[in-house]
Amino acid sequence: MNLLMVIFGLVTVLAVVGTFQAFKEKNLLGILFNFGTFAVFGFFTVMTILNQGFPPSLH
């Protein structure tokens, strides 16, 4: 789960970068999909860190 959380965190960071680029280009569909990706993957990443801790506890 630890490596998966890191990968989802990287996807979240890339979604933020994509959202800013879409704002700069005034691309409405790009803003929508990038922000949706940021919201879903960011929520999953944050809640996984809060629930299992970092590094995750093995129990």
PDB file of N, CA and C in Angstrom:
ATOM      1  N   MET A   1       0.822  -1.191   0.000  1.00  0.00           N
ATOM      2  CA  MET A   1       0.000   0.000   0.000  1.00  0.00           C
ATOM      3  C   MET A   1       0.864   1.252   0.000  1.00  0.00           C
ATOM      4  N   ASN A   2       2.082   1.130   0.517  1.00  0.00           N
ATOM      5  CA  ASN A   2       2.949   2.292   0.613  1.00  0.00           C
ATOM      6  C   ASN A   2       3.334   2.819  -0.769  1.00  0.00           C
ATOM      7  N   LEU A   3       3.726   1.928  -1.676  1.00  0.00           N
ATOM      8  CA  LEU A   3       4.115   2.351  -3.020  1.00  0.00           C
ATOM      9  C   LEU A   3       2.913   2.883  -3.794  1.00  0.00           C
ATOM     10  N   LEU A   4       1.766   2.274  -3.613  1.00  0.00           N
ATOM     11  CA  LEU A   4       0.553   2.751  -4.276  1.00  0.00           C
ATOM     12  C   LEU A   4       0.191   4.155  -3.825  1.00  0.00           C
ATOM     13  N   MET A   5       0.395   4.443  -2.553  1.00  0.00           N
ATOM     14  CA  MET A   5       0.110   5.772  -2.026  1.00  0.00           C
ATOM     15  C   MET A   5       1.057   6.806  -2.631  1.00  0.00           C
ATOM     16  N   VAL A   6       2.306   6.435  -2.834  1.00  0.00           N
ATOM     17  CA  VAL A   6       3.271   7.349  -3.450  1.00  0.00           C
ATOM     18  C   VAL A   6       2.888   7.617  -4.906  1.00  0.00           C
ATOM     19  N   ILE A   7       2.474   6.582  -5.614  1.00  0.00           N
ATOM     20  CA  ILE A   7       2.071   6.752  -7.009  1.00  0.00           C
ATOM     21  C   ILE A   7       0.835   7.649  -7.088  1.00  0.00           C
ATOM     22  N   PHE A   8      -0.157   7.428  -6.227  1.00  0.00           N
ATOM     23  CA  PHE A   8      -1.345   8.285  -6.234  1.00  0.00           C
ATOM     24  C   PHE A   8      -0.998   9.721  -5.852  1.00  0.00           C
ATOM     25  N   GLY A   9      -0.020   9.905  -4.980  1.00  0.00           N
ATOM     26  CA  GLY A   9       0.432  11.254  -4.645  1.00  0.00           C
ATOM     27  C   GLY A   9       1.053  11.944  -5.841  1.00  0.00           C
ATOM     28  N   LEU A  10       1.840  11.203  -6.630  1.00  0.00           N
ATOM     29  CA  LEU A  10       2.427  11.775  -7.841  1.00  0.00           C
ATOM     30  C   LEU A  10       1.350  12.128  -8.866  1.00  0.00           C
ATOM     31  N   VAL A  11       0.335  11.287  -8.992  1.00  0.00           N
ATOM     32  CA  VAL A  11      -0.782  11.596  -9.895  1.00  0.00           C
ATOM     33  C   VAL A  11      -1.483  12.870  -9.445  1.00  0.00           C
ATOM     34  N   THR A  12      -1.633  13.052  -8.143  1.00  0.00           N
ATOM     35  CA  THR A  12      -2.263  14.253  -7.608  1.00  0.00           C
ATOM     36  C   THR A  12      -1.446  15.492  -7.951  1.00  0.00           C
ATOM     37  N   VAL A  13      -0.138  15.410  -7.788  1.00  0.00           N
ATOM     38  CA  VAL A  13       0.723  16.559  -8.110  1.00  0.00           C
ATOM     39  C   VAL A  13       0.651  16.887  -9.595  1.00  0.00           C
ATOM     40  N   LEU A  14       0.669  15.869 -10.444  1.00  0.00           N
ATOM     41  CA  LEU A  14       0.564  16.112 -11.883  1.00  0.00           C
ATOM     42  C   LEU A  14      -0.804  16.677 -12.267  1.00  0.00           C
ATOM     43  N   ALA A  15      -1.852  16.299 -11.553  1.00  0.00           N
ATOM     44  CA  ALA A  15      -3.178  16.864 -11.815  1.00  0.00           C
ATOM     45  C   ALA A  15      -3.221  18.340 -11.462  1.00  0.00           C
ATOM     46  N   VAL A  16      -2.534  18.730 -10.393  1.00  0.00           N
ATOM     47  CA  VAL A  16      -2.475  20.156 -10.031  1.00  0.00           C
ATOM     48  C   VAL A  16      -1.742  20.938 -11.112  1.00  0.00           C
ATOM     49  N   VAL A  17      -0.628  20.395 -11.597  1.00  0.00           N
ATOM     50  CA  VAL A  17       0.126  21.061 -12.666  1.00  0.00           C
ATOM     51  C   VAL A  17      -0.730  21.170 -13.926  1.00  0.00           C
ATOM     52  N   GLY A  18      -1.430  20.109 -14.265  1.00  0.00           N
ATOM     53  CA  GLY A  18      -2.309  20.123 -15.435  1.00  0.00           C
ATOM     54  C   GLY A  18      -3.450  21.108 -15.295  1.00  0.00           C
ATOM     55  N   THR A  19      -3.975  21.258 -14.088  1.00  0.00           N
ATOM     56  CA  THR A  19      -5.046  22.219 -13.863  1.00  0.00           C
ATOM     57  C   THR A  19      -4.559  23.646 -14.102  1.00  0.00           C
ATOM     58  N   PHE A  20      -3.367  23.963 -13.606  1.00  0.00           N
ATOM     59  CA  PHE A  20      -2.824  25.303 -13.833  1.00  0.00           C
ATOM     60  C   PHE A  20      -2.544  25.553 -15.310  1.00  0.00           C
ATOM     61  N   GLN A  21      -2.043  24.550 -16.011  1.00  0.00           N
ATOM     62  CA  GLN A  21      -1.802  24.714 -17.442  1.00  0.00           C
ATOM     63  C   GLN A  21      -3.114  24.888 -18.203  1.00  0.00           C
ATOM     64  N   ALA A  22      -4.149  24.166 -17.799  1.00  0.00           N
ATOM     65  CA  ALA A  22      -5.446  24.300 -18.459  1.00  0.00           C
ATOM     66  C   ALA A  22      -6.055  25.679 -18.195  1.00  0.00           C
ATOM     67  N   PHE A  23      -5.854  26.218 -16.985  1.00  0.00           N
ATOM     68  CA  PHE A  23      -6.303  27.581 -16.705  1.00  0.00           C
ATOM     69  C   PHE A  23      -5.576  28.574 -17.605  1.00  0.00           C
ATOM     70  N   LYS A  24      -4.279  28.365 -17.777  1.00  0.00           N
ATOM     71  CA  LYS A  24      -3.484  29.275 -18.595  1.00  0.00           C
ATOM     72  C   LYS A  24      -3.939  29.236 -20.055  1.00  0.00           C
ATOM     73  N   GLU A  25      -4.327  28.049 -20.537  1.00  0.00           N
ATOM     74  CA  GLU A  25      -4.771  27.886 -21.924  1.00  0.00           C
ATOM     75  C   GLU A  25      -6.272  28.123 -22.089  1.00  0.00           C
ATOM     76  N   LYS A  26      -6.981  28.357 -20.977  1.00  0.00           N
ATOM     77  CA  LYS A  26      -8.439  28.552 -20.975  1.00  0.00           C
ATOM     78  C   LYS A  26      -9.174  27.344 -21.575  1.00  0.00           C
ATOM     79  N   ASN A  27      -8.756  26.163 -21.151  1.00  0.00           N
ATOM     80  CA  ASN A  27      -9.333  24.909 -21.622  1.00  0.00           C
ATOM     81  C   ASN A  27     -10.303  24.397 -20.554  1.00  0.00           C
ATOM     82  N   LEU A  28     -11.599  24.583 -20.795  1.00  0.00           N
ATOM     83  CA  LEU A  28     -12.605  24.251 -19.786  1.00  0.00           C
ATOM     84  C   LEU A  28     -12.671  22.754 -19.493  1.00  0.00           C
ATOM     85  N   LEU A  29     -12.619  21.914 -20.527  1.00  0.00           N
ATOM     86  CA  LEU A  29     -12.687  20.473 -20.311  1.00  0.00           C
ATOM     87  C   LEU A  29     -11.438  19.964 -19.593  1.00  0.00           C
ATOM     88  N   GLY A  30     -10.289  20.532 -19.917  1.00  0.00           N
ATOM     89  CA  GLY A  30      -9.054  20.171 -19.219  1.00  0.00           C
ATOM     90  C   GLY A  30      -9.101  20.549 -17.756  1.00  0.00           C
ATOM     91  N   ILE A  31      -9.659  21.724 -17.460  1.00  0.00           N
ATOM     92  CA  ILE A  31      -9.812  22.154 -16.069  1.00  0.00           C
ATOM     93  C   ILE A  31     -10.716  21.185 -15.317  1.00  0.00           C
ATOM     94  N   LEU A  32     -11.809  20.800 -15.951  1.00  0.00           N
ATOM     95  CA  LEU A  32     -12.779  19.909 -15.307  1.00  0.00           C
ATOM     96  C   LEU A  32     -12.155  18.547 -14.983  1.00  0.00           C
ATOM     97  N   PHE A  33     -11.511  17.923 -15.955  1.00  0.00           N
ATOM     98  CA  PHE A  33     -10.951  16.591 -15.731  1.00  0.00           C
ATOM     99  C   PHE A  33      -9.742  16.627 -14.798  1.00  0.00           C
ATOM    100  N   ASN A  34      -8.887  17.628 -14.946  1.00  0.00           N
ATOM    101  CA  ASN A  34      -7.724  17.718 -14.065  1.00  0.00           C
ATOM    102  C   ASN A  34      -8.140  17.989 -12.629  1.00  0.00           C
ATOM    103  N   PHE A  35      -9.116  18.866 -12.432  1.00  0.00           N
ATOM    104  CA  PHE A  35      -9.560  19.135 -11.073  1.00  0.00           C
ATOM    105  C   PHE A  35     -10.266  17.921 -10.470  1.00  0.00           C
ATOM    106  N   GLY A  36     -11.032  17.201 -11.286  1.00  0.00           N
ATOM    107  CA  GLY A  36     -11.663  15.973 -10.803  1.00  0.00           C
ATOM    108  C   GLY A  36     -10.643  14.924 -10.385  1.00  0.00           C
ATOM    109  N   THR A  37      -9.581  14.785 -11.183  1.00  0.00           N
ATOM    110  CA  THR A  37      -8.505  13.860 -10.840  1.00  0.00           C
ATOM    111  C   THR A  37      -7.818  14.282  -9.555  1.00  0.00           C
ATOM    112  N   PHE A  38      -7.559  15.582  -9.435  1.00  0.00           N
ATOM    113  CA  PHE A  38      -6.948  16.103  -8.213  1.00  0.00           C
ATOM    114  C   PHE A  38      -7.826  15.826  -6.992  1.00  0.00           C
ATOM    115  N   ALA A  39      -9.126  16.038  -7.119  1.00  0.00           N
ATOM    116  CA  ALA A  39     -10.029  15.846  -5.982  1.00  0.00           C
ATOM    117  C   ALA A  39     -10.093  14.376  -5.554  1.00  0.00           C
ATOM    118  N   VAL A  40     -10.244  13.473  -6.516  1.00  0.00           N
ATOM    119  CA  VAL A  40     -10.407  12.054  -6.183  1.00  0.00           C
ATOM    120  C   VAL A  40      -9.105  11.456  -5.647  1.00  0.00           C
ATOM    121  N   PHE A  41      -8.010  11.611  -6.394  1.00  0.00           N
ATOM    122  CA  PHE A  41      -6.749  11.012  -5.974  1.00  0.00           C
ATOM    123  C   PHE A  41      -6.172  11.723  -4.751  1.00  0.00           C
ATOM    124  N   GLY A  42      -6.368  13.031  -4.664  1.00  0.00           N
ATOM    125  CA  GLY A  42      -5.892  13.766  -3.492  1.00  0.00           C
ATOM    126  C   GLY A  42      -6.621  13.340  -2.229  1.00  0.00           C
ATOM    127  N   PHE A  43      -7.941  13.176  -2.327  1.00  0.00           N
ATOM    128  CA  PHE A  43      -8.716  12.714  -1.173  1.00  0.00           C
ATOM    129  C   PHE A  43      -8.263  11.323  -0.738  1.00  0.00           C
ATOM    130  N   PHE A  44      -8.078  10.421  -1.716  1.00  0.00           N
ATOM    131  CA  PHE A  44      -7.648   9.064  -1.389  1.00  0.00           C
ATOM    132  C   PHE A  44      -6.277   9.062  -0.718  1.00  0.00           C
ATOM    133  N   THR A  45      -5.368   9.872  -1.236  1.00  0.00           N
ATOM    134  CA  THR A  45      -4.017   9.917  -0.680  1.00  0.00           C
ATOM    135  C   THR A  45      -4.027  10.458   0.745  1.00  0.00           C
ATOM    136  N   VAL A  46      -4.718  11.559   0.959  1.00  0.00           N
ATOM    137  CA  VAL A  46      -4.761  12.174   2.297  1.00  0.00           C
ATOM    138  C   VAL A  46      -5.439  11.247   3.304  1.00  0.00           C
ATOM    139  N   MET A  47      -6.548  10.651   2.921  1.00  0.00           N
ATOM    140  CA  MET A  47      -7.251   9.778   3.861  1.00  0.00           C
ATOM    141  C   MET A  47      -6.466   8.501   4.147  1.00  0.00           C
ATOM    142  N   THR A  48      -5.707   7.998   3.191  1.00  0.00           N
ATOM    143  CA  THR A  48      -4.876   6.827   3.442  1.00  0.00           C
ATOM    144  C   THR A  48      -3.764   7.168   4.425  1.00  0.00           C
ATOM    145  N   ILE A  49      -3.155   8.341   4.266  1.00  0.00           N
ATOM    146  CA  ILE A  49      -2.110   8.761   5.204  1.00  0.00           C
ATOM    147  C   ILE A  49      -2.689   8.954   6.597  1.00  0.00           C
ATOM    148  N   LEU A  50      -3.857   9.566   6.692  1.00  0.00           N
ATOM    149  CA  LEU A  50      -4.467   9.786   8.011  1.00  0.00           C
ATOM    150  C   LEU A  50      -4.905   8.478   8.665  1.00  0.00           C
ATOM    151  N   ASN A  51      -5.405   7.545   7.870  1.00  0.00           N
ATOM    152  CA  ASN A  51      -5.929   6.301   8.418  1.00  0.00           C
ATOM    153  C   ASN A  51      -4.801   5.327   8.811  1.00  0.00           C
ATOM    154  N   GLN A  52      -3.803   5.158   7.938  1.00  0.00           N
ATOM    155  CA  GLN A  52      -2.766   4.168   8.192  1.00  0.00           C
ATOM    156  C   GLN A  52      -1.481   4.774   8.706  1.00  0.00           C
ATOM    157  N   GLY A  53      -1.328   6.058   8.598  1.00  0.00           N
ATOM    158  CA  GLY A  53      -0.081   6.702   9.016  1.00  0.00           C
ATOM    159  C   GLY A  53       0.968   6.557   7.927  1.00  0.00           C
ATOM    160  N   PHE A  54       2.046   7.287   8.085  1.00  0.00           N
ATOM    161  CA  PHE A  54       3.150   7.173   7.135  1.00  0.00           C
ATOM    162  C   PHE A  54       4.432   6.937   7.867  1.00  0.00           C
ATOM    163  N   PRO A  55       5.137   5.900   7.743  1.00  0.00           N
ATOM    164  CA  PRO A  55       4.818   4.735   6.920  1.00  0.00           C
ATOM    165  C   PRO A  55       3.658   3.953   7.534  1.00  0.00           C
ATOM    166  N   PRO A  56       2.929   3.194   6.721  1.00  0.00           N
ATOM    167  CA  PRO A  56       1.750   2.502   7.224  1.00  0.00           C
ATOM    168  C   PRO A  56       2.110   1.453   8.282  1.00  0.00           C
ATOM    169  N   SER A  57       1.247   1.345   9.262  1.00  0.00           N
ATOM    170  CA  SER A  57       1.462   0.350  10.315  1.00  0.00           C
ATOM    171  C   SER A  57       1.052  -1.031   9.809  1.00  0.00           C
ATOM    172  N   LEU A  58       1.815  -2.018  10.143  1.00  0.00           N
ATOM    173  CA  LEU A  58       1.522  -3.385   9.729  1.00  0.00           C
ATOM    174  C   LEU A  58       0.876  -4.115  10.895  1.00  0.00           C
ATOM    175  N   HIS A  59      -0.407  -4.363  10.785  1.00  0.00           N
ATOM    176  CA  HIS A  59      -1.126  -5.046  11.864  1.00  0.00           C
ATOM    177  C   HIS A  59      -2.068  -6.089  11.330  1.00  0.00           C
TER     178      HIS A  59
END
